[in-house]
Amino acid sequence: MDADALTDARRAEWERLDALSRASLDGAGVDELIVRYRAASADLAELKTSVGESPQGAYLSTILVRARMRLTGAGDSVLTQAGRFFALQLPAALYRLRWTTLAVAVAFVAIAAVAAFWIASDPARVATLGTPEALQQYADESFTGYYTENPAATFMGMVWTNNAWIALQCVLFGVTGIWPVYMIAQNAFGIGVSGAVMIAHGKGDVMLLYILPHGMLELTCIFVAAAAGLHVFWSWAAPGQRSRGESLAAEGRSLATVALGLVFALFLAGLVEGFVTGWALPWPVKIGIGAAALAVFLVYMVVIGGRAHRRGQTGDLVEYEAGTPRLVAG
């Protein structure tokens, strides 16, 4: 085949396809675009089969790429995606977890309180935790010294990465149904044991003062992560009308946004822990800063999230990114 002859014969049709790919189209125009796209694709295949790479083929390929983009659409810009993530997807996903988060928080506080007061109520139980000297040193120095033994920025980075890793595990391994429960129980019992030592040595109030400034937001983030993991588990345990795979995929996409969002919230909690909790500020100021950080998160979760939820957002990707779902009747 002569590439020049084919180009001369089809040039008007290719130019029409190029014009359609740039124009505002009605239904008839879209139909014509599809027909001409198919015809031009056949021409390109014929060119490549006959003469291989050629200037005529490159020219036609450029037209076809533009037409294909018009048919399939282009992805949103990074700024648009980021705006949608923080304004709609993330708050909507957090909003869906609000009641499960509350249940996890109640369970955590109950486990920690029962463990603390049960151990502290019996000196024999306290004695099993260590020697009297070691326990006294923990109550007098080690507990509070933990917050100031490293430079603030270093300490902040340590607690941020550690807490972000815990939250990420709760979401990623939540599919098991066991890991979030284990993480919450383990951390609650750990705080309960620390509380028992502090209470037994008359320092229970000191523990509260050191935990509250950063712990209000930090622990809330961990509760949210555990709630997200449990939702992932429930999506395949009770998928409803969808298949287990479809249900797990949709919930996994929705709640993966939570794991990413919690990284930012835990960064804020890390700033409070690193630069506020252990340093020379009045306690009302410290607790006020922690309460303000928690309030910002809760407003974002409940108020902004509720608004996004009422607009139909779930936290999942838009259909262009996630793929068209399978429709289920009934």
C-alpha atoms as a PDB file:
ATOM      1  CA  MET A   1       0.000   0.000   0.000  1.00  0.00           C
ATOM      2  CA  ASP A   2       1.124   3.539  -0.747  1.00  0.00           C
ATOM      3  CA  ALA A   3       0.989   5.526   2.494  1.00  0.00           C
ATOM      4  CA  ASP A   4       0.760   8.829   0.629  1.00  0.00           C
ATOM      5  CA  ALA A   5      -2.138   7.580  -1.472  1.00  0.00           C
ATOM      6  CA  LEU A   6      -4.044   6.418   1.620  1.00  0.00           C
ATOM      7  CA  THR A   7      -3.396   9.720   3.347  1.00  0.00           C
ATOM      8  CA  ASP A   8      -4.662  11.690   0.353  1.00  0.00           C
ATOM      9  CA  ALA A   9      -7.786   9.518   0.160  1.00  0.00           C
ATOM     10  CA  ARG A  10      -8.585   9.688   3.887  1.00  0.00           C
ATOM     11  CA  ARG A  11      -7.291  13.142   4.822  1.00  0.00           C
ATOM     12  CA  ALA A  12     -10.712  14.793   4.819  1.00  0.00           C
ATOM     13  CA  GLU A  13     -12.142  12.046   7.064  1.00  0.00           C
ATOM     14  CA  TRP A  14      -9.202  12.322   9.488  1.00  0.00           C
ATOM     15  CA  GLU A  15      -9.519  16.079   9.634  1.00  0.00           C
ATOM     16  CA  ARG A  16     -13.217  15.699  10.340  1.00  0.00           C
ATOM     17  CA  LEU A  17     -12.391  13.316  13.200  1.00  0.00           C
ATOM     18  CA  ASP A  18      -9.883  15.835  14.549  1.00  0.00           C
ATOM     19  CA  ALA A  19     -12.473  18.608  14.356  1.00  0.00           C
ATOM     20  CA  LEU A  20     -15.063  16.477  16.172  1.00  0.00           C
ATOM     21  CA  SER A  21     -12.599  15.683  18.973  1.00  0.00           C
ATOM     22  CA  ARG A  22     -12.198  19.419  19.627  1.00  0.00           C
ATOM     23  CA  ALA A  23     -15.857  20.468  19.234  1.00  0.00           C
ATOM     24  CA  SER A  24     -18.837  20.589  21.592  1.00  0.00           C
ATOM     25  CA  LEU A  25     -20.946  17.585  20.567  1.00  0.00           C
ATOM     26  CA  ASP A  26     -24.589  16.598  20.743  1.00  0.00           C
ATOM     27  CA  GLY A  27     -25.789  12.987  20.535  1.00  0.00           C
ATOM     28  CA  ALA A  28     -25.425  12.798  16.770  1.00  0.00           C
ATOM     29  CA  GLY A  29     -21.947  14.286  16.987  1.00  0.00           C
ATOM     30  CA  VAL A  30     -20.840  11.681  19.507  1.00  0.00           C
ATOM     31  CA  ASP A  31     -22.161   8.913  17.275  1.00  0.00           C
ATOM     32  CA  GLU A  32     -20.231  10.351  14.314  1.00  0.00           C
ATOM     33  CA  LEU A  33     -17.095  10.649  16.446  1.00  0.00           C
ATOM     34  CA  ILE A  34     -17.295   6.958  17.380  1.00  0.00           C
ATOM     35  CA  VAL A  35     -17.842   5.861  13.767  1.00  0.00           C
ATOM     36  CA  ARG A  36     -14.967   7.970  12.459  1.00  0.00           C
ATOM     37  CA  TYR A  37     -12.701   6.875  15.330  1.00  0.00           C
ATOM     38  CA  ARG A  38     -13.235   3.220  14.412  1.00  0.00           C
ATOM     39  CA  ALA A  39     -12.588   3.936  10.716  1.00  0.00           C
ATOM     40  CA  ALA A  40      -9.409   5.877  11.475  1.00  0.00           C
ATOM     41  CA  SER A  41      -8.201   3.107  13.813  1.00  0.00           C
ATOM     42  CA  ALA A  42      -8.596   0.646  10.938  1.00  0.00           C
ATOM     43  CA  ASP A  43      -6.631   3.014   8.680  1.00  0.00           C
ATOM     44  CA  LEU A  44      -3.814   3.212  11.257  1.00  0.00           C
ATOM     45  CA  ALA A  45      -3.686  -0.571  11.547  1.00  0.00           C
ATOM     46  CA  GLU A  46      -3.478  -0.859   7.792  1.00  0.00           C
ATOM     47  CA  LEU A  47      -0.682   1.714   7.634  1.00  0.00           C
ATOM     48  CA  LYS A  48       1.389  -0.031  10.305  1.00  0.00           C
ATOM     49  CA  THR A  49       0.860  -3.421   8.712  1.00  0.00           C
ATOM     50  CA  SER A  50       1.884  -2.198   5.270  1.00  0.00           C
ATOM     51  CA  VAL A  51       4.686   0.308   5.861  1.00  0.00           C
ATOM     52  CA  GLY A  52       5.454   0.124   9.613  1.00  0.00           C
ATOM     53  CA  GLU A  53       6.377   3.398  11.286  1.00  0.00           C
ATOM     54  CA  SER A  54       5.774   6.395   9.044  1.00  0.00           C
ATOM     55  CA  PRO A  55       5.059  10.135   9.259  1.00  0.00           C
ATOM     56  CA  GLN A  56       1.528   9.457   8.060  1.00  0.00           C
ATOM     57  CA  GLY A  57       0.995   6.925  10.864  1.00  0.00           C
ATOM     58  CA  ALA A  58       2.361   9.332  13.469  1.00  0.00           C
ATOM     59  CA  TYR A  59       0.021  12.045  12.236  1.00  0.00           C
ATOM     60  CA  LEU A  60      -3.005   9.737  12.422  1.00  0.00           C
ATOM     61  CA  SER A  61      -1.951   8.436  15.855  1.00  0.00           C
ATOM     62  CA  THR A  62      -1.993  11.984  17.206  1.00  0.00           C
ATOM     63  CA  ILE A  63      -5.541  12.502  15.946  1.00  0.00           C
ATOM     64  CA  LEU A  64      -6.670   9.194  17.414  1.00  0.00           C
ATOM     65  CA  VAL A  65      -5.164   9.967  20.829  1.00  0.00           C
ATOM     66  CA  ARG A  66      -7.068  13.242  20.978  1.00  0.00           C
ATOM     67  CA  ALA A  67     -10.287  11.513  19.903  1.00  0.00           C
ATOM     68  CA  ARG A  68      -9.784   8.737  22.456  1.00  0.00           C
ATOM     69  CA  MET A  69      -9.317  11.277  25.234  1.00  0.00           C
ATOM     70  CA  ARG A  70     -12.552  12.936  24.162  1.00  0.00           C
ATOM     71  CA  LEU A  71     -14.387   9.619  24.319  1.00  0.00           C
ATOM     72  CA  THR A  72     -12.973   8.307  27.582  1.00  0.00           C
ATOM     73  CA  GLY A  73     -12.337  11.553  29.430  1.00  0.00           C
ATOM     74  CA  ALA A  74      -9.194  12.691  31.202  1.00  0.00           C
ATOM     75  CA  GLY A  75      -8.384  12.277  34.864  1.00  0.00           C
ATOM     76  CA  ASP A  76      -8.721  15.270  37.152  1.00  0.00           C
ATOM     77  CA  SER A  77      -5.689  17.328  38.049  1.00  0.00           C
ATOM     78  CA  VAL A  78      -3.804  16.638  41.268  1.00  0.00           C
ATOM     79  CA  LEU A  79      -5.186  19.805  42.844  1.00  0.00           C
ATOM     80  CA  THR A  80      -8.748  18.810  41.984  1.00  0.00           C
ATOM     81  CA  GLN A  81      -8.242  15.325  43.380  1.00  0.00           C
ATOM     82  CA  ALA A  82      -6.675  16.703  46.577  1.00  0.00           C
ATOM     83  CA  GLY A  83      -9.528  19.143  47.049  1.00  0.00           C
ATOM     84  CA  ARG A  84     -12.109  16.384  46.577  1.00  0.00           C
ATOM     85  CA  PHE A  85     -10.218  14.116  48.980  1.00  0.00           C
ATOM     86  CA  PHE A  86     -10.051  16.604  51.866  1.00  0.00           C
ATOM     87  CA  ALA A  87     -13.428  18.275  51.289  1.00  0.00           C
ATOM     88  CA  LEU A  88     -15.576  15.236  50.482  1.00  0.00           C
ATOM     89  CA  GLN A  89     -14.045  11.759  50.503  1.00  0.00           C
ATOM     90  CA  LEU A  90     -12.102  11.811  53.765  1.00  0.00           C
ATOM     91  CA  PRO A  91     -14.708  13.564  55.948  1.00  0.00           C
ATOM     92  CA  ALA A  92     -17.472  11.343  54.520  1.00  0.00           C
ATOM     93  CA  ALA A  93     -15.479   8.204  55.333  1.00  0.00           C
ATOM     94  CA  LEU A  94     -14.799   9.477  58.861  1.00  0.00           C
ATOM     95  CA  TYR A  95     -18.470  10.343  59.348  1.00  0.00           C
ATOM     96  CA  ARG A  96     -19.508   6.784  58.534  1.00  0.00           C
ATOM     97  CA  LEU A  97     -17.279   5.554  61.364  1.00  0.00           C
ATOM     98  CA  ARG A  98     -18.592   7.869  64.072  1.00  0.00           C
ATOM     99  CA  TRP A  99     -20.704   5.370  66.043  1.00  0.00           C
ATOM    100  CA  THR A 100     -18.217   2.525  65.727  1.00  0.00           C
ATOM    101  CA  THR A 101     -15.500   4.915  66.871  1.00  0.00           C
ATOM    102  CA  LEU A 102     -17.577   5.788  69.934  1.00  0.00           C
ATOM    103  CA  ALA A 103     -18.083   2.098  70.735  1.00  0.00           C
ATOM    104  CA  VAL A 104     -14.345   1.430  70.416  1.00  0.00           C
ATOM    105  CA  ALA A 105     -13.582   4.408  72.665  1.00  0.00           C
ATOM    106  CA  VAL A 106     -15.978   3.192  75.360  1.00  0.00           C
ATOM    107  CA  ALA A 107     -14.463  -0.298  75.231  1.00  0.00           C
ATOM    108  CA  PHE A 108     -10.924   1.114  75.426  1.00  0.00           C
ATOM    109  CA  VAL A 109     -11.669   3.315  78.440  1.00  0.00           C
ATOM    110  CA  ALA A 110     -13.487   0.458  80.181  1.00  0.00           C
ATOM    111  CA  ILE A 111     -10.579  -1.975  79.716  1.00  0.00           C
ATOM    112  CA  ALA A 112      -7.996   0.598  80.829  1.00  0.00           C
ATOM    113  CA  ALA A 113     -10.014   1.680  83.882  1.00  0.00           C
ATOM    114  CA  VAL A 114     -10.833  -1.854  85.023  1.00  0.00           C
ATOM    115  CA  ALA A 115      -7.210  -2.965  84.620  1.00  0.00           C
ATOM    116  CA  ALA A 116      -5.859   0.101  86.450  1.00  0.00           C
ATOM    117  CA  PHE A 117      -8.158  -0.054  89.454  1.00  0.00           C
ATOM    118  CA  TRP A 118      -8.162  -3.852  89.705  1.00  0.00           C
ATOM    119  CA  ILE A 119      -4.359  -4.012  89.839  1.00  0.00           C
ATOM    120  CA  ALA A 120      -3.973  -0.909  92.038  1.00  0.00           C
ATOM    121  CA  SER A 121      -6.511  -2.219  94.553  1.00  0.00           C
ATOM    122  CA  ASP A 122      -4.217  -5.066  95.642  1.00  0.00           C
ATOM    123  CA  PRO A 123      -0.554  -4.412  96.583  1.00  0.00           C
ATOM    124  CA  ALA A 124       0.235  -8.023  95.747  1.00  0.00           C
ATOM    125  CA  ARG A 125      -0.886  -7.462  92.156  1.00  0.00           C
ATOM    126  CA  VAL A 126       1.145  -4.260  91.931  1.00  0.00           C
ATOM    127  CA  ALA A 127       4.183  -6.129  93.240  1.00  0.00           C
ATOM    128  CA  THR A 128       4.038  -8.539  90.301  1.00  0.00           C
ATOM    129  CA  LEU A 129       4.820  -5.646  87.963  1.00  0.00           C
ATOM    130  CA  GLY A 130       8.347  -5.102  89.263  1.00  0.00           C
ATOM    131  CA  THR A 131      10.513  -4.401  92.262  1.00  0.00           C
ATOM    132  CA  PRO A 132       9.391  -1.633  94.644  1.00  0.00           C
ATOM    133  CA  GLU A 133      12.389   0.470  93.650  1.00  0.00           C
ATOM    134  CA  ALA A 134      11.709   0.120  89.930  1.00  0.00           C
ATOM    135  CA  LEU A 135       8.025   0.937  90.349  1.00  0.00           C
ATOM    136  CA  GLN A 136       8.810   3.969  92.506  1.00  0.00           C
ATOM    137  CA  GLN A 137      11.281   5.238  89.928  1.00  0.00           C
ATOM    138  CA  TYR A 138       8.697   4.757  87.175  1.00  0.00           C
ATOM    139  CA  ALA A 139       6.110   6.763  89.109  1.00  0.00           C
ATOM    140  CA  ASP A 140       8.530   9.504  90.175  1.00  0.00           C
ATOM    141  CA  GLU A 141      10.723   9.903  87.099  1.00  0.00           C
ATOM    142  CA  SER A 142      10.368   7.532  84.164  1.00  0.00           C
ATOM    143  CA  PHE A 143       6.743   8.256  83.281  1.00  0.00           C
ATOM    144  CA  THR A 144       7.135  12.024  83.103  1.00  0.00           C
ATOM    145  CA  GLY A 145      10.722  11.903  81.880  1.00  0.00           C
ATOM    146  CA  TYR A 146       9.615  10.012  78.766  1.00  0.00           C
ATOM    147  CA  TYR A 147       8.154  13.235  77.365  1.00  0.00           C
ATOM    148  CA  THR A 148      11.329  15.315  77.754  1.00  0.00           C
ATOM    149  CA  GLU A 149      14.265  12.902  77.459  1.00  0.00           C
ATOM    150  CA  ASN A 150      14.605  13.603  73.717  1.00  0.00           C
ATOM    151  CA  PRO A 151      14.594  16.881  71.762  1.00  0.00           C
ATOM    152  CA  ALA A 152      11.022  17.934  71.013  1.00  0.00           C
ATOM    153  CA  ALA A 153      11.305  17.543  67.233  1.00  0.00           C
ATOM    154  CA  THR A 154      12.912  14.103  67.534  1.00  0.00           C
ATOM    155  CA  PHE A 155      10.342  12.933  70.052  1.00  0.00           C
ATOM    156  CA  MET A 156       7.506  14.278  67.928  1.00  0.00           C
ATOM    157  CA  GLY A 157       8.788  12.355  64.902  1.00  0.00           C
ATOM    158  CA  MET A 158       9.107   9.143  66.931  1.00  0.00           C
ATOM    159  CA  VAL A 159       5.573   9.208  68.320  1.00  0.00           C
ATOM    160  CA  TRP A 160       4.092  10.308  64.990  1.00  0.00           C
ATOM    161  CA  THR A 161       5.602   7.444  63.017  1.00  0.00           C
ATOM    162  CA  ASN A 162       4.802   4.919  65.751  1.00  0.00           C
ATOM    163  CA  ASN A 163       1.156   5.974  66.034  1.00  0.00           C
ATOM    164  CA  ALA A 164       0.733   6.219  62.264  1.00  0.00           C
ATOM    165  CA  TRP A 165       2.057   2.660  61.965  1.00  0.00           C
ATOM    166  CA  ILE A 166      -0.415   1.432  64.612  1.00  0.00           C
ATOM    167  CA  ALA A 167      -3.298   3.161  62.813  1.00  0.00           C
ATOM    168  CA  LEU A 168      -2.213   1.786  59.442  1.00  0.00           C
ATOM    169  CA  GLN A 169      -2.080  -1.748  60.856  1.00  0.00           C
ATOM    170  CA  CYS A 170      -5.591  -1.419  62.263  1.00  0.00           C
ATOM    171  CA  VAL A 171      -6.959  -0.479  58.835  1.00  0.00           C
ATOM    172  CA  LEU A 172      -4.890  -2.809  56.648  1.00  0.00           C
ATOM    173  CA  PHE A 173      -5.206  -5.878  58.876  1.00  0.00           C
ATOM    174  CA  GLY A 174      -8.772  -5.066  59.867  1.00  0.00           C
ATOM    175  CA  VAL A 175      -9.910  -7.561  57.245  1.00  0.00           C
ATOM    176  CA  THR A 176      -9.051 -10.293  59.760  1.00  0.00           C
ATOM    177  CA  GLY A 177     -11.501  -8.920  62.319  1.00  0.00           C
ATOM    178  CA  ILE A 178      -8.975  -9.825  65.018  1.00  0.00           C
ATOM    179  CA  TRP A 179      -6.141  -7.344  64.657  1.00  0.00           C
ATOM    180  CA  PRO A 180      -8.066  -4.136  65.523  1.00  0.00           C
ATOM    181  CA  VAL A 181      -9.548  -5.820  68.597  1.00  0.00           C
ATOM    182  CA  TYR A 182      -6.110  -7.067  69.637  1.00  0.00           C
ATOM    183  CA  MET A 183      -4.484  -3.648  69.150  1.00  0.00           C
ATOM    184  CA  ILE A 184      -7.163  -1.841  71.142  1.00  0.00           C
ATOM    185  CA  ALA A 185      -7.146  -4.404  73.970  1.00  0.00           C
ATOM    186  CA  GLN A 186      -3.350  -4.470  74.128  1.00  0.00           C
ATOM    187  CA  ASN A 187      -2.967  -0.689  74.257  1.00  0.00           C
ATOM    188  CA  ALA A 188      -5.832  -0.277  76.712  1.00  0.00           C
ATOM    189  CA  PHE A 189      -4.347  -2.863  79.044  1.00  0.00           C
ATOM    190  CA  GLY A 190      -0.909  -1.231  78.729  1.00  0.00           C
ATOM    191  CA  ILE A 191      -2.331   2.135  79.782  1.00  0.00           C
ATOM    192  CA  GLY A 192      -4.227   0.379  82.561  1.00  0.00           C
ATOM    193  CA  VAL A 193      -1.029  -1.162  83.931  1.00  0.00           C
ATOM    194  CA  SER A 194       0.753   2.202  83.832  1.00  0.00           C
ATOM    195  CA  GLY A 195      -2.227   3.758  85.542  1.00  0.00           C
ATOM    196  CA  ALA A 196      -2.149   1.106  88.258  1.00  0.00           C
ATOM    197  CA  VAL A 197       1.483   1.893  89.072  1.00  0.00           C
ATOM    198  CA  MET A 198       0.808   5.627  89.149  1.00  0.00           C
ATOM    199  CA  ILE A 199      -2.341   5.248  91.273  1.00  0.00           C
ATOM    200  CA  ALA A 200      -0.577   2.934  93.712  1.00  0.00           C
ATOM    201  CA  HIS A 201       2.070   5.621  94.263  1.00  0.00           C
ATOM    202  CA  GLY A 202      -0.398   8.496  94.520  1.00  0.00           C
ATOM    203  CA  LYS A 203       0.376   9.874  91.068  1.00  0.00           C
ATOM    204  CA  GLY A 204      -2.836   9.120  89.190  1.00  0.00           C
ATOM    205  CA  ASP A 205      -3.505  12.821  88.660  1.00  0.00           C
ATOM    206  CA  VAL A 206      -0.021  13.285  87.195  1.00  0.00           C
ATOM    207  CA  MET A 207      -0.692  10.558  84.650  1.00  0.00           C
ATOM    208  CA  LEU A 208      -3.942  12.199  83.549  1.00  0.00           C
ATOM    209  CA  LEU A 209      -2.277  15.582  83.192  1.00  0.00           C
ATOM    210  CA  TYR A 210       0.459  14.131  80.995  1.00  0.00           C
ATOM    211  CA  ILE A 211      -1.854  12.017  78.827  1.00  0.00           C
ATOM    212  CA  LEU A 212      -4.748  14.392  78.227  1.00  0.00           C
ATOM    213  CA  PRO A 213      -3.073  17.147  76.129  1.00  0.00           C
ATOM    214  CA  HIS A 214      -2.016  14.873  73.277  1.00  0.00           C
ATOM    215  CA  GLY A 215      -3.996  11.763  74.165  1.00  0.00           C
ATOM    216  CA  MET A 216      -7.405  13.245  73.405  1.00  0.00           C
ATOM    217  CA  LEU A 217      -6.627  13.486  69.683  1.00  0.00           C
ATOM    218  CA  GLU A 218      -4.068  10.686  69.493  1.00  0.00           C
ATOM    219  CA  LEU A 219      -6.316   8.050  71.053  1.00  0.00           C
ATOM    220  CA  THR A 220      -9.312   9.248  69.026  1.00  0.00           C
ATOM    221  CA  CYS A 221      -7.291   8.641  65.868  1.00  0.00           C
ATOM    222  CA  ILE A 222      -6.469   5.112  67.025  1.00  0.00           C
ATOM    223  CA  PHE A 223     -10.153   4.503  67.794  1.00  0.00           C
ATOM    224  CA  VAL A 224     -11.068   5.687  64.291  1.00  0.00           C
ATOM    225  CA  ALA A 225      -8.446   3.384  62.760  1.00  0.00           C
ATOM    226  CA  ALA A 226      -9.779   0.403  64.711  1.00  0.00           C
ATOM    227  CA  ALA A 227     -13.335   1.278  63.662  1.00  0.00           C
ATOM    228  CA  ALA A 228     -12.222   1.443  60.020  1.00  0.00           C
ATOM    229  CA  GLY A 229     -10.573  -1.966  60.311  1.00  0.00           C
ATOM    230  CA  LEU A 230     -13.731  -3.472  61.782  1.00  0.00           C
ATOM    231  CA  HIS A 231     -15.799  -1.997  58.951  1.00  0.00           C
ATOM    232  CA  VAL A 232     -13.450  -3.602  56.428  1.00  0.00           C
ATOM    233  CA  PHE A 233     -13.908  -6.937  58.183  1.00  0.00           C
ATOM    234  CA  TRP A 234     -17.686  -6.574  58.242  1.00  0.00           C
ATOM    235  CA  SER A 235     -17.782  -5.704  54.531  1.00  0.00           C
ATOM    236  CA  TRP A 236     -16.818  -9.258  53.577  1.00  0.00           C
ATOM    237  CA  ALA A 237     -18.393 -10.984  56.586  1.00  0.00           C
ATOM    238  CA  ALA A 238     -21.820  -9.499  55.748  1.00  0.00           C
ATOM    239  CA  PRO A 239     -21.637  -8.152  52.166  1.00  0.00           C
ATOM    240  CA  GLY A 240     -25.371  -7.808  51.625  1.00  0.00           C
ATOM    241  CA  GLN A 241     -26.466  -7.982  47.975  1.00  0.00           C
ATOM    242  CA  ARG A 242     -22.971  -7.461  46.615  1.00  0.00           C
ATOM    243  CA  SER A 243     -20.426 -10.215  46.242  1.00  0.00           C
ATOM    244  CA  ARG A 244     -17.823 -10.460  48.989  1.00  0.00           C
ATOM    245  CA  GLY A 245     -15.127  -9.275  46.606  1.00  0.00           C
ATOM    246  CA  GLU A 246     -17.083  -6.227  45.436  1.00  0.00           C
ATOM    247  CA  SER A 247     -18.091  -5.295  48.976  1.00  0.00           C
ATOM    248  CA  LEU A 248     -14.537  -5.662  50.282  1.00  0.00           C
ATOM    249  CA  ALA A 249     -13.116  -3.663  47.366  1.00  0.00           C
ATOM    250  CA  ALA A 250     -15.562  -0.781  47.837  1.00  0.00           C
ATOM    251  CA  GLU A 251     -15.089  -0.619  51.603  1.00  0.00           C
ATOM    252  CA  GLY A 252     -11.348  -1.022  51.283  1.00  0.00           C
ATOM    253  CA  ARG A 253     -11.141   1.916  48.866  1.00  0.00           C
ATOM    254  CA  SER A 254     -13.363   4.049  51.094  1.00  0.00           C
ATOM    255  CA  LEU A 255     -11.491   3.337  54.298  1.00  0.00           C
ATOM    256  CA  ALA A 256      -8.005   3.496  52.811  1.00  0.00           C
ATOM    257  CA  THR A 257      -8.723   7.236  52.688  1.00  0.00           C
ATOM    258  CA  VAL A 258      -9.082   7.089  56.476  1.00  0.00           C
ATOM    259  CA  ALA A 259      -5.618   5.582  56.903  1.00  0.00           C
ATOM    260  CA  LEU A 260      -4.127   8.389  54.818  1.00  0.00           C
ATOM    261  CA  GLY A 261      -6.142  11.084  56.576  1.00  0.00           C
ATOM    262  CA  LEU A 262      -5.134   9.840  60.012  1.00  0.00           C
ATOM    263  CA  VAL A 263      -1.487  10.396  59.120  1.00  0.00           C
ATOM    264  CA  PHE A 264      -2.218  14.142  59.077  1.00  0.00           C
ATOM    265  CA  ALA A 265      -4.310  14.053  62.268  1.00  0.00           C
ATOM    266  CA  LEU A 266      -1.621  12.062  64.073  1.00  0.00           C
ATOM    267  CA  PHE A 267       0.960  14.585  62.902  1.00  0.00           C
ATOM    268  CA  LEU A 268      -1.027  17.233  64.770  1.00  0.00           C
ATOM    269  CA  ALA A 269      -1.236  14.977  67.833  1.00  0.00           C
ATOM    270  CA  GLY A 270       2.519  14.413  67.575  1.00  0.00           C
ATOM    271  CA  LEU A 271       3.128  18.162  67.553  1.00  0.00           C
ATOM    272  CA  VAL A 272       1.115  18.511  70.761  1.00  0.00           C
ATOM    273  CA  GLU A 273       2.918  15.582  72.403  1.00  0.00           C
ATOM    274  CA  GLY A 274       6.351  16.744  71.335  1.00  0.00           C
ATOM    275  CA  PHE A 275       6.063  20.477  71.928  1.00  0.00           C
ATOM    276  CA  VAL A 276       3.296  20.862  74.531  1.00  0.00           C
ATOM    277  CA  THR A 277       2.801  17.874  76.843  1.00  0.00           C
ATOM    278  CA  GLY A 278       6.175  17.706  78.553  1.00  0.00           C
ATOM    279  CA  TRP A 279       7.164  21.331  78.455  1.00  0.00           C
ATOM    280  CA  ALA A 280       6.851  24.321  80.770  1.00  0.00           C
ATOM    281  CA  LEU A 281       3.340  25.566  80.135  1.00  0.00           C
ATOM    282  CA  PRO A 282       0.466  25.835  82.614  1.00  0.00           C
ATOM    283  CA  TRP A 283      -1.611  22.658  82.624  1.00  0.00           C
ATOM    284  CA  PRO A 284      -4.860  24.446  81.712  1.00  0.00           C
ATOM    285  CA  VAL A 285      -3.099  25.790  78.619  1.00  0.00           C
ATOM    286  CA  LYS A 286      -1.773  22.361  77.686  1.00  0.00           C
ATOM    287  CA  ILE A 287      -5.139  20.688  78.106  1.00  0.00           C
ATOM    288  CA  GLY A 288      -6.817  23.554  76.263  1.00  0.00           C
ATOM    289  CA  ILE A 289      -4.490  23.083  73.290  1.00  0.00           C
ATOM    290  CA  GLY A 290      -5.211  19.350  73.259  1.00  0.00           C
ATOM    291  CA  ALA A 291      -8.960  19.958  73.504  1.00  0.00           C
ATOM    292  CA  ALA A 292      -8.806  22.455  70.638  1.00  0.00           C
ATOM    293  CA  ALA A 293      -6.963  19.930  68.453  1.00  0.00           C
ATOM    294  CA  LEU A 294      -9.596  17.294  69.237  1.00  0.00           C
ATOM    295  CA  ALA A 295     -12.414  19.778  68.565  1.00  0.00           C
ATOM    296  CA  VAL A 296     -10.997  20.562  65.106  1.00  0.00           C
ATOM    297  CA  PHE A 297     -10.879  16.852  64.282  1.00  0.00           C
ATOM    298  CA  LEU A 298     -14.417  16.182  65.567  1.00  0.00           C
ATOM    299  CA  VAL A 299     -15.871  19.141  63.668  1.00  0.00           C
ATOM    300  CA  TYR A 300     -14.176  17.869  60.524  1.00  0.00           C
ATOM    301  CA  MET A 301     -15.447  14.338  61.168  1.00  0.00           C
ATOM    302  CA  VAL A 302     -19.023  15.085  62.233  1.00  0.00           C
ATOM    303  CA  VAL A 303     -19.984  18.454  60.743  1.00  0.00           C
ATOM    304  CA  ILE A 304     -18.045  18.531  57.471  1.00  0.00           C
ATOM    305  CA  GLY A 305     -18.318  14.750  57.170  1.00  0.00           C
ATOM    306  CA  GLY A 306     -22.075  14.865  57.722  1.00  0.00           C
ATOM    307  CA  ARG A 307     -22.431  17.486  55.020  1.00  0.00           C
ATOM    308  CA  ALA A 308     -20.413  15.368  52.574  1.00  0.00           C
ATOM    309  CA  HIS A 309     -22.395  12.250  53.522  1.00  0.00           C
ATOM    310  CA  ARG A 310     -25.703  13.996  52.800  1.00  0.00           C
ATOM    311  CA  ARG A 311     -24.344  14.842  49.342  1.00  0.00           C
ATOM    312  CA  GLY A 312     -23.991  11.121  48.672  1.00  0.00           C
ATOM    313  CA  GLN A 313     -20.306  10.741  49.425  1.00  0.00           C
ATOM    314  CA  THR A 314     -19.055   7.530  51.036  1.00  0.00           C
ATOM    315  CA  GLY A 315     -15.312   8.051  50.876  1.00  0.00           C
ATOM    316  CA  ASP A 316     -14.964   5.802  47.819  1.00  0.00           C
ATOM    317  CA  LEU A 317     -13.276   6.889  44.611  1.00  0.00           C
ATOM    318  CA  VAL A 318     -15.351   8.538  41.920  1.00  0.00           C
ATOM    319  CA  GLU A 319     -16.693   6.139  39.298  1.00  0.00           C
ATOM    320  CA  TYR A 320     -14.099   7.200  36.705  1.00  0.00           C
ATOM    321  CA  GLU A 321     -11.337   6.056  39.090  1.00  0.00           C
ATOM    322  CA  ALA A 322     -13.056   3.066  40.699  1.00  0.00           C
ATOM    323  CA  GLY A 323     -14.800   1.618  37.659  1.00  0.00           C
ATOM    324  CA  THR A 324     -18.506   1.256  36.998  1.00  0.00           C
ATOM    325  CA  PRO A 325     -20.184  -0.829  39.711  1.00  0.00           C
ATOM    326  CA  ARG A 326     -22.285  -3.891  38.986  1.00  0.00           C
ATOM    327  CA  LEU A 327     -25.949  -2.994  39.353  1.00  0.00           C
ATOM    328  CA  VAL A 328     -28.113  -5.142  41.630  1.00  0.00           C
ATOM    329  CA  ALA A 329     -31.895  -5.249  41.293  1.00  0.00           C
ATOM    330  CA  GLY A 330     -34.159  -5.207  44.347  1.00  0.00           C
END
